Amino acid sequence: MSFDLNMHVYRLLQAEPFYSIISRHINKTASTALPTAGVRVNKETKQFEMMYNPLFFQKLSELERTAVLVHEFDHIVYNHVTGRLPSEGMTKLWNIACDLAINSHIPNIPKMACVPGVAPFEDIASDQAAEFYFNLLKKEKEENKEDKEKGKPQKNPVRPGTSPDGNSSGEEGEGEGEGGGLDDHSGWSEQDGDMDNTVNEIAKERLKEIIKKAAGECSKTNQWGTVTAEMRKEILLSIQTVVDWRKMLRYFVKVSQRCDKSSTVKKINKRYPRIHAGKKVNRVANIAISIDQSGSVSDEMLMLFFAELNSLSDIATFTVIPFDTRVDPKLVYVWKKGKSHDAVRVMCGGTDFNAPTKWVNTVSKVKFDGHIILTDMQAPKPIASFPSRMWMTDKANAAAPYFKTSEVVVAVGK
């Protein structure tokens, strides 16, 4: 009787709640056309699917089967078969690089798998991104090709992906484990350049919703199985909706604008023409900009933020409030419309968000229309802000802030 993976998945993933939820939304199709297993986007269903060879799975222990499932789902979660493909498309070399990026975290992975620190990759560091391993292997292959042409000994002739003649690189092979890779993507290369981008995007968006659901459920119970803390952080970052922080900043400033109305004979009163004077409307916004001065806020983030404020100074007046654990009134200044300023760090203490919030709420005696705080968010939650408050931080801290808030949090980055 042929091995049916679908009959075993529930039992195999009982101790892996995150991957169990992912698995429920991934079709698994048996096929002897590939030697082991692999994942791809199905053009017809516009969803990710896993292909597997039942003969290969039949030979594995239950622990190894679980490891292979986790391995394949990691390829999907980390966009290895879609968004992160190199310009060359899906190649054996890229597949090996992706394997190296995820296999060091997976217990009981079959021996044929490529694992950093294990021969023939014993001298390669673990916990690196797929792009790191891809560039390293690609460089080795080019160097080996040059050495072969010059008749010199090759550096790592047995390392999968690095042999210039293809005998050990796995570029042409399709046998079980050939080339050192656990899974196989040969025969799917026609999808690399020809697959409709819309299909790809639909599949990715569907997957993002699945990952969101899985991450949400696992966060509630704090049960993630073998998913490490660092991997959780990456997963939460990957499911964030990408927002153009510059547009978000400009939008916040514009919606904070209040109307100052004054009478003028130059305007015709629409309700009482020629009888009463018209109204002149000036739309202005006075925004408080609190800037965290602690050393953990990078100079790059400060420069990016100031550059955008320079461009926004034509539509608003900003009051810049440098702070650490306090606000020094001598350092507060008004950024007038049409002016530009350089990013300068003027304090260097810790962080207390109550300091700028209290200053904006009451101390300043100025009625602000909005309050923006640029920070790494690594301090306790502050008191409420009377004007609308928005937080701007880096991508990592937007994904995992020190405290929870219903206020808008936007990641600043290139």
Protein backbone atom coordinates (compact mmCIF):
# COMPACT_ATOMS: atom_id res chain seq x y z
CA MET A 1 0.00 0.00 0.00
CA SER A 2 1.36 3.42 -0.97
CA PHE A 3 2.20 5.82 1.88
CA ASP A 4 -0.42 8.60 2.29
CA LEU A 5 1.12 11.54 4.17
CA ASN A 6 -2.29 13.12 4.83
CA MET A 7 -3.19 10.17 7.08
CA HIS A 8 -0.23 10.90 9.35
CA VAL A 9 0.11 14.70 9.46
CA TYR A 10 -2.09 15.34 12.52
CA ARG A 11 -0.16 12.88 14.69
CA LEU A 12 3.21 14.04 13.39
CA LEU A 13 2.54 17.71 14.19
CA GLN A 14 0.80 17.34 17.57
CA ALA A 15 3.84 18.87 19.29
CA GLU A 16 4.19 21.62 16.64
CA PRO A 17 1.13 23.91 17.02
CA PHE A 18 2.46 26.64 14.70
CA TYR A 19 3.29 24.25 11.85
CA SER A 20 0.11 22.29 12.49
CA ILE A 21 -2.00 25.35 11.66
CA ILE A 22 0.11 26.09 8.56
CA SER A 23 -0.24 22.46 7.47
CA ARG A 24 -4.04 22.58 7.49
CA HIS A 25 -3.94 25.14 4.68
CA ILE A 26 -1.25 23.50 2.52
CA ASN A 27 -2.29 20.81 0.01
CA LYS A 28 -0.05 17.73 0.06
CA THR A 29 0.16 15.75 -3.16
CA ALA A 30 1.94 12.43 -3.64
CA SER A 31 4.18 12.17 -6.71
CA THR A 32 7.03 9.93 -7.77
CA ALA A 33 8.17 12.61 -10.24
CA LEU A 34 10.46 14.05 -7.56
CA PRO A 35 12.88 12.09 -5.38
CA THR A 36 12.02 13.49 -1.94
CA ALA A 37 9.76 16.50 -1.36
CA GLY A 38 9.34 20.13 -2.28
CA VAL A 39 7.03 23.16 -2.22
CA ARG A 40 5.75 25.47 -4.94
CA VAL A 41 2.90 27.79 -5.89
CA ASN A 42 0.13 26.01 -7.80
CA LYS A 43 -0.96 28.17 -10.75
CA GLU A 44 -4.44 26.68 -10.85
CA THR A 45 -5.36 27.00 -7.15
CA LYS A 46 -3.18 30.10 -6.59
CA GLN A 47 -1.99 28.55 -3.33
CA PHE A 48 1.14 26.95 -1.97
CA GLU A 49 1.31 23.18 -2.10
CA MET A 50 3.69 20.47 -0.94
CA MET A 51 4.68 17.63 -3.26
CA TYR A 52 6.17 14.51 -1.72
CA ASN A 53 7.43 11.12 -2.84
CA PRO A 54 5.55 8.45 -0.82
CA LEU A 55 8.40 5.93 -1.25
CA PHE A 56 10.84 8.40 0.30
CA PHE A 57 8.52 9.16 3.25
CA GLN A 58 7.86 5.47 3.84
CA LYS A 59 11.57 4.92 4.62
CA LEU A 60 11.71 7.69 7.26
CA SER A 61 11.07 7.42 10.99
CA GLU A 62 8.18 9.44 12.43
CA LEU A 63 10.61 11.99 13.90
CA GLU A 64 12.26 12.41 10.52
CA ARG A 65 8.89 12.80 8.78
CA THR A 66 8.01 15.60 11.21
CA ALA A 67 11.36 17.26 10.51
CA VAL A 68 10.80 17.14 6.73
CA LEU A 69 7.33 18.67 7.12
CA VAL A 70 8.74 21.50 9.25
CA HIS A 71 11.54 21.94 6.70
CA GLU A 72 9.10 22.33 3.80
CA PHE A 73 6.81 24.68 5.69
CA ASP A 74 9.81 26.84 6.65
CA HIS A 75 10.59 27.27 2.95
CA ILE A 76 7.08 28.67 2.52
CA VAL A 77 7.06 30.82 5.67
CA TYR A 78 10.38 32.45 4.75
CA ASN A 79 9.41 33.13 1.11
CA HIS A 80 12.22 30.95 -0.24
CA VAL A 81 10.18 29.91 -3.29
CA THR A 82 8.67 33.32 -4.04
CA GLY A 83 9.70 36.78 -2.87
CA ARG A 84 13.32 36.02 -1.98
CA LEU A 85 14.30 34.20 -5.17
CA PRO A 86 17.59 35.51 -6.61
CA SER A 87 17.82 36.82 -10.18
CA GLU A 88 18.80 33.33 -11.35
CA GLY A 89 15.44 31.99 -10.19
CA MET A 90 14.95 28.63 -8.48
CA THR A 91 18.23 26.71 -8.78
CA LYS A 92 19.79 23.83 -6.85
CA LEU A 93 22.33 26.28 -5.45
CA TRP A 94 19.58 28.51 -4.03
CA ASN A 95 17.75 25.49 -2.66
CA ILE A 96 20.89 24.33 -0.82
CA ALA A 97 21.40 27.85 0.56
CA CYS A 98 17.81 27.90 1.86
CA ASP A 99 18.30 24.47 3.41
CA LEU A 100 21.37 25.70 5.26
CA ALA A 101 19.40 28.68 6.57
CA ILE A 102 16.68 26.58 8.22
CA ASN A 103 18.08 23.11 8.94
CA SER A 104 20.22 24.04 11.95
CA HIS A 105 16.96 24.81 13.82
CA ILE A 106 15.22 21.54 12.97
CA PRO A 107 15.82 18.48 15.19
CA ASN A 108 15.87 14.97 13.69
CA ILE A 109 16.46 16.22 10.15
CA PRO A 110 17.47 13.28 7.85
CA LYS A 111 21.21 12.78 7.38
CA MET A 112 21.10 13.69 3.69
CA ALA A 113 20.16 17.27 4.63
CA CYS A 114 22.55 20.22 4.33
CA VAL A 115 23.29 21.50 7.83
CA PRO A 116 25.82 24.21 8.85
CA GLY A 117 28.58 22.74 11.00
CA VAL A 118 28.05 19.24 9.59
CA ALA A 119 30.19 17.82 6.76
CA PRO A 120 30.59 18.91 4.05
CA PHE A 121 29.58 22.28 5.61
CA GLU A 122 31.51 21.82 8.85
CA ASP A 123 33.32 25.17 8.50
CA ILE A 124 30.21 27.24 7.76
CA ALA A 125 28.52 29.27 10.51
CA SER A 126 24.91 28.58 11.44
CA ASP A 127 22.04 31.06 11.96
CA GLN A 128 22.63 32.99 8.74
CA ALA A 129 20.14 34.05 6.06
CA ALA A 130 19.72 32.11 2.81
CA GLU A 131 21.27 35.01 0.87
CA PHE A 132 24.46 34.70 2.96
CA TYR A 133 24.87 31.01 2.12
CA PHE A 134 23.92 31.55 -1.52
CA ASN A 135 26.60 34.22 -2.03
CA LEU A 136 29.18 32.09 -0.20
CA LEU A 137 28.49 28.98 -2.30
CA LYS A 138 28.33 31.01 -5.49
CA LYS A 139 31.71 32.56 -4.73
CA GLU A 140 33.21 29.14 -3.99
CA LYS A 141 31.89 27.77 -7.26
CA GLU A 142 33.41 30.65 -9.24
CA GLU A 143 36.75 30.24 -7.44
CA ASN A 144 36.73 26.48 -8.08
CA LYS A 145 36.03 27.11 -11.75
CA GLU A 146 39.04 29.46 -11.96
CA ASP A 147 41.23 26.97 -10.09
CA LYS A 148 40.17 24.14 -12.41
CA GLU A 149 41.01 26.21 -15.49
CA LYS A 150 44.44 26.98 -14.01
CA GLY A 151 45.00 23.35 -12.98
CA LYS A 152 45.03 24.21 -9.27
CA PRO A 153 43.42 22.13 -6.47
CA GLN A 154 39.82 23.16 -5.82
CA LYS A 155 38.91 24.46 -2.34
CA ASN A 156 35.76 22.44 -1.65
CA PRO A 157 35.17 20.12 -4.60
CA VAL A 158 32.73 17.91 -2.65
CA ARG A 159 30.65 20.77 -1.30
CA PRO A 160 27.21 20.66 -2.98
CA GLY A 161 26.78 23.55 -5.36
CA THR A 162 30.46 24.42 -5.66
CA SER A 163 31.80 21.96 -8.23
CA PRO A 164 32.36 23.62 -11.65
CA ASP A 165 31.72 20.39 -13.60
CA GLY A 166 28.28 19.65 -12.10
CA ASN A 167 29.24 16.16 -10.84
CA SER A 168 28.83 17.10 -7.20
CA SER A 169 26.91 20.33 -7.53
CA GLY A 170 23.57 18.68 -8.06
CA GLU A 171 22.78 21.09 -10.88
CA GLU A 172 21.74 18.28 -13.18
CA GLY A 173 21.00 15.42 -10.82
CA GLU A 174 17.54 14.39 -9.74
CA GLY A 175 18.29 11.28 -7.68
CA GLU A 176 17.39 10.95 -4.02
CA GLY A 177 19.53 13.32 -2.04
CA GLU A 178 21.81 13.96 -5.00
CA GLY A 179 23.77 17.16 -4.56
CA GLY A 180 23.30 17.05 -0.78
CA GLY A 181 19.87 18.64 -0.76
CA LEU A 182 16.99 17.20 1.26
CA ASP A 183 14.21 18.42 -1.04
CA ASP A 184 13.94 18.98 -4.77
CA HIS A 185 12.76 21.76 -7.05
CA SER A 186 13.94 20.39 -10.37
CA GLY A 187 11.26 20.43 -13.03
CA TRP A 188 9.65 23.51 -11.50
CA SER A 189 12.00 26.04 -13.10
CA GLU A 190 9.35 26.94 -15.67
CA GLN A 191 7.60 28.79 -12.87
CA ASP A 192 10.53 31.07 -12.16
CA GLY A 193 10.18 33.51 -15.01
CA ASP A 194 6.84 32.64 -16.57
CA MET A 195 4.56 32.39 -13.56
CA ASP A 196 2.13 35.26 -13.56
CA ASN A 197 3.04 37.81 -10.88
CA THR A 198 -0.60 38.19 -9.88
CA VAL A 199 -0.84 34.48 -9.05
CA ASN A 200 2.30 34.77 -6.96
CA GLU A 201 0.99 37.78 -5.05
CA ILE A 202 -2.39 36.16 -4.40
CA ALA A 203 -0.65 33.07 -2.99
CA LYS A 204 1.60 35.21 -0.77
CA GLU A 205 -1.31 37.26 0.59
CA ARG A 206 -3.27 34.09 1.36
CA LEU A 207 -0.23 32.67 3.11
CA LYS A 208 0.25 35.86 5.12
CA GLU A 209 -3.27 35.50 6.51
CA ILE A 210 -2.57 31.86 7.41
CA ILE A 211 0.66 32.80 9.19
CA LYS A 212 -1.12 35.64 11.02
CA LYS A 213 -3.73 33.19 12.26
CA ALA A 214 -1.10 30.66 13.34
CA ALA A 215 1.05 33.28 15.08
CA GLY A 216 -2.00 34.74 16.81
CA GLU A 217 -3.15 31.40 18.19
CA CYS A 218 0.35 30.43 19.32
CA SER A 219 0.88 33.83 20.99
CA LYS A 220 -2.33 33.43 22.99
CA THR A 221 -1.31 30.04 24.37
CA ASN A 222 2.45 30.71 24.28
CA GLN A 223 2.83 27.30 22.67
CA TRP A 224 5.09 27.44 19.59
CA GLY A 225 6.68 24.00 19.58
CA THR A 226 10.25 24.11 18.22
CA VAL A 227 9.91 27.67 16.86
CA THR A 228 12.66 29.66 18.60
CA ALA A 229 12.27 33.18 20.00
CA GLU A 230 14.39 34.61 17.17
CA MET A 231 12.30 32.79 14.56
CA ARG A 232 9.10 34.12 16.17
CA LYS A 233 10.43 37.66 15.79
CA GLU A 234 11.16 37.05 12.10
CA ILE A 235 7.73 35.53 11.56
CA LEU A 236 5.97 38.48 13.20
CA LEU A 237 8.00 40.87 11.04
CA SER A 238 7.13 38.96 7.87
CA ILE A 239 3.37 39.29 8.39
CA GLN A 240 3.37 43.01 9.02
CA THR A 241 1.46 45.07 6.51
CA VAL A 242 4.02 47.19 4.71
CA VAL A 243 3.16 50.86 5.14
CA ASP A 244 4.98 53.75 3.51
CA TRP A 245 6.01 55.58 6.68
CA ARG A 246 6.54 58.84 4.81
CA LYS A 247 2.96 58.79 3.50
CA MET A 248 1.73 57.85 6.96
CA LEU A 249 3.61 60.76 8.52
CA ARG A 250 2.28 63.20 5.92
CA TYR A 251 -1.26 61.86 6.38
CA PHE A 252 -1.06 62.29 10.18
CA VAL A 253 0.10 65.89 9.77
CA LYS A 254 -2.64 66.73 7.27
CA VAL A 255 -5.52 65.24 9.26
CA SER A 256 -4.25 67.12 12.32
CA GLN A 257 -4.68 70.46 10.56
CA ARG A 258 -7.26 72.71 12.14
CA CYS A 259 -9.17 75.51 10.42
CA ASP A 260 -8.63 79.15 11.44
CA LYS A 261 -11.48 81.22 10.03
CA SER A 262 -11.53 85.00 9.70
CA SER A 263 -13.85 87.50 8.00
CA THR A 264 -12.74 89.18 4.79
CA VAL A 265 -14.49 91.35 2.23
CA LYS A 266 -12.35 89.76 -0.45
CA LYS A 267 -14.40 86.56 -0.14
CA ILE A 268 -18.07 86.41 -1.14
CA ASN A 269 -20.34 84.99 1.54
CA LYS A 270 -22.04 82.03 -0.13
CA ARG A 271 -25.08 82.22 2.13
CA TYR A 272 -25.50 86.03 2.15
CA PRO A 273 -23.69 87.34 -0.96
CA ARG A 274 -22.97 91.11 -0.97
CA ILE A 275 -24.56 91.44 2.48
CA HIS A 276 -22.05 89.86 4.86
CA ALA A 277 -18.31 89.45 4.51
CA GLY A 278 -17.00 86.07 3.44
CA LYS A 279 -14.76 83.76 5.46
CA LYS A 280 -11.07 83.18 4.88
CA VAL A 281 -9.91 79.72 5.92
CA ASN A 282 -6.31 79.00 6.86
CA ARG A 283 -5.47 75.36 7.42
CA VAL A 284 -2.55 74.98 9.81
CA ALA A 285 -1.19 72.21 11.99
CA ASN A 286 0.94 72.60 15.08
CA ILE A 287 2.54 69.21 15.71
CA ALA A 288 4.61 68.20 18.72
CA ILE A 289 7.59 66.06 17.69
CA SER A 290 9.14 64.26 20.68
CA ILE A 291 12.49 62.69 19.80
CA ASP A 292 13.98 59.95 21.98
CA GLN A 293 17.63 60.81 22.63
CA SER A 294 18.71 57.46 24.08
CA GLY A 295 21.64 55.76 22.38
CA SER A 296 19.50 52.83 21.21
CA VAL A 297 17.77 55.11 18.68
CA SER A 298 20.04 54.85 15.64
CA ASP A 299 21.57 57.83 13.85
CA GLU A 300 20.19 56.41 10.59
CA MET A 301 16.61 56.54 11.89
CA LEU A 302 17.14 60.11 13.11
CA MET A 303 18.49 61.22 9.74
CA LEU A 304 15.65 59.58 7.79
CA PHE A 305 13.08 61.17 10.07
CA PHE A 306 14.59 64.67 9.93
CA ALA A 307 14.87 64.49 6.14
CA GLU A 308 11.13 63.82 5.90
CA LEU A 309 10.29 66.57 8.40
CA ASN A 310 12.27 68.96 6.23
CA SER A 311 9.98 68.15 3.32
CA LEU A 312 6.86 68.46 5.51
CA SER A 313 7.78 71.84 6.93
CA ASP A 314 5.95 73.51 4.05
CA ILE A 315 2.56 72.39 5.42
CA ALA A 316 3.03 72.52 9.19
CA THR A 317 4.84 74.04 12.14
CA PHE A 318 6.60 71.56 14.40
CA THR A 319 7.67 71.93 18.00
CA VAL A 320 10.66 69.63 18.48
CA ILE A 321 10.98 68.17 21.98
CA PRO A 322 14.21 66.24 22.64
CA PHE A 323 13.82 63.95 25.65
CA ASP A 324 15.36 61.09 27.60
CA THR A 325 14.03 60.69 31.15
CA ARG A 326 13.12 64.38 31.14
CA VAL A 327 12.46 67.34 28.88
CA ASP A 328 14.87 70.29 29.02
CA PRO A 329 12.85 73.40 28.01
CA LYS A 330 16.07 75.06 26.81
CA LEU A 331 16.46 72.40 24.10
CA VAL A 332 12.86 72.64 22.81
CA TYR A 333 12.54 74.65 19.60
CA VAL A 334 9.92 75.57 17.01
CA TRP A 335 10.54 74.25 13.50
CA LYS A 336 8.87 76.96 11.46
CA LYS A 337 7.27 76.41 8.08
CA GLY A 338 9.70 76.43 5.17
CA LYS A 339 12.78 75.95 7.37
CA SER A 340 15.14 72.96 7.43
CA HIS A 341 17.16 71.42 10.25
CA ASP A 342 19.88 68.80 10.62
CA ALA A 343 19.49 65.68 12.76
CA VAL A 344 21.38 66.40 16.00
CA ARG A 345 21.51 64.33 19.20
CA VAL A 346 21.50 66.72 22.20
CA MET A 347 20.83 64.36 25.14
CA CYS A 348 21.99 60.84 26.03
CA GLY A 349 20.09 59.45 29.02
CA GLY A 350 17.49 56.70 29.42
CA THR A 351 13.88 56.81 28.23
CA ASP A 352 10.64 57.89 29.95
CA PHE A 353 7.66 58.53 27.64
CA ASN A 354 5.76 60.30 30.43
CA ALA A 355 8.22 63.20 30.25
CA PRO A 356 7.34 64.43 26.72
CA THR A 357 3.66 63.44 27.13
CA LYS A 358 3.25 65.59 30.27
CA TRP A 359 5.11 68.42 28.56
CA VAL A 360 2.77 68.30 25.55
CA ASN A 361 -0.37 67.86 27.67
CA THR A 362 0.12 70.66 30.19
CA VAL A 363 3.60 72.13 30.68
CA SER A 364 4.00 73.77 27.28
CA LYS A 365 0.72 75.78 27.48
CA VAL A 366 0.48 75.29 23.70
CA LYS A 367 -2.53 73.61 22.13
CA PHE A 368 -1.06 70.96 19.85
CA ASP A 369 -3.01 69.26 17.07
CA GLY A 370 -0.97 66.06 17.10
CA HIS A 371 1.92 64.37 18.92
CA ILE A 372 4.52 62.19 17.18
CA ILE A 373 7.15 60.29 19.18
CA LEU A 374 10.25 58.98 17.42
CA THR A 375 11.70 56.18 19.56
CA ASP A 376 12.76 52.54 19.82
CA MET A 377 9.73 52.01 22.13
CA GLN A 378 11.87 50.33 24.78
CA ALA A 379 10.28 51.84 27.89
CA PRO A 380 7.02 51.41 29.85
CA LYS A 381 3.68 52.60 28.43
CA PRO A 382 3.07 56.30 29.19
CA ILE A 383 -0.01 58.22 30.30
CA ALA A 384 -2.60 59.24 27.68
CA SER A 385 -1.79 62.06 25.28
CA PHE A 386 -4.43 64.81 24.88
CA PRO A 387 -3.67 65.42 21.18
CA SER A 388 -3.66 62.33 18.94
CA ARG A 389 -0.37 60.47 19.37
CA MET A 390 1.53 58.41 16.79
CA TRP A 391 4.65 56.33 17.35
CA MET A 392 7.48 56.05 14.82
CA THR A 393 10.13 53.40 15.39
CA ASP A 394 12.29 50.85 13.56
CA LYS A 395 10.91 47.66 11.98
CA ALA A 396 12.02 45.29 14.73
CA ASN A 397 10.45 47.31 17.56
CA ALA A 398 7.29 47.99 15.57
CA ALA A 399 6.84 44.21 15.35
CA ALA A 400 7.64 43.57 19.03
CA PRO A 401 7.25 46.79 21.10
CA TYR A 402 7.91 46.88 24.84
CA PHE A 403 4.24 47.65 25.49
CA LYS A 404 0.90 47.21 23.71
CA THR A 405 -0.95 50.23 22.37
CA SER A 406 -4.00 50.91 20.20
CA GLU A 407 -2.31 54.05 18.88
CA VAL A 408 -0.75 54.06 15.43
CA VAL A 409 2.78 52.59 15.31
CA VAL A 410 4.74 53.06 12.07
CA ALA A 411 8.10 51.55 11.14
CA VAL A 412 10.69 53.99 9.77
CA GLY A 413 13.07 52.60 7.18
CA LYS A 414 14.33 52.90 3.63
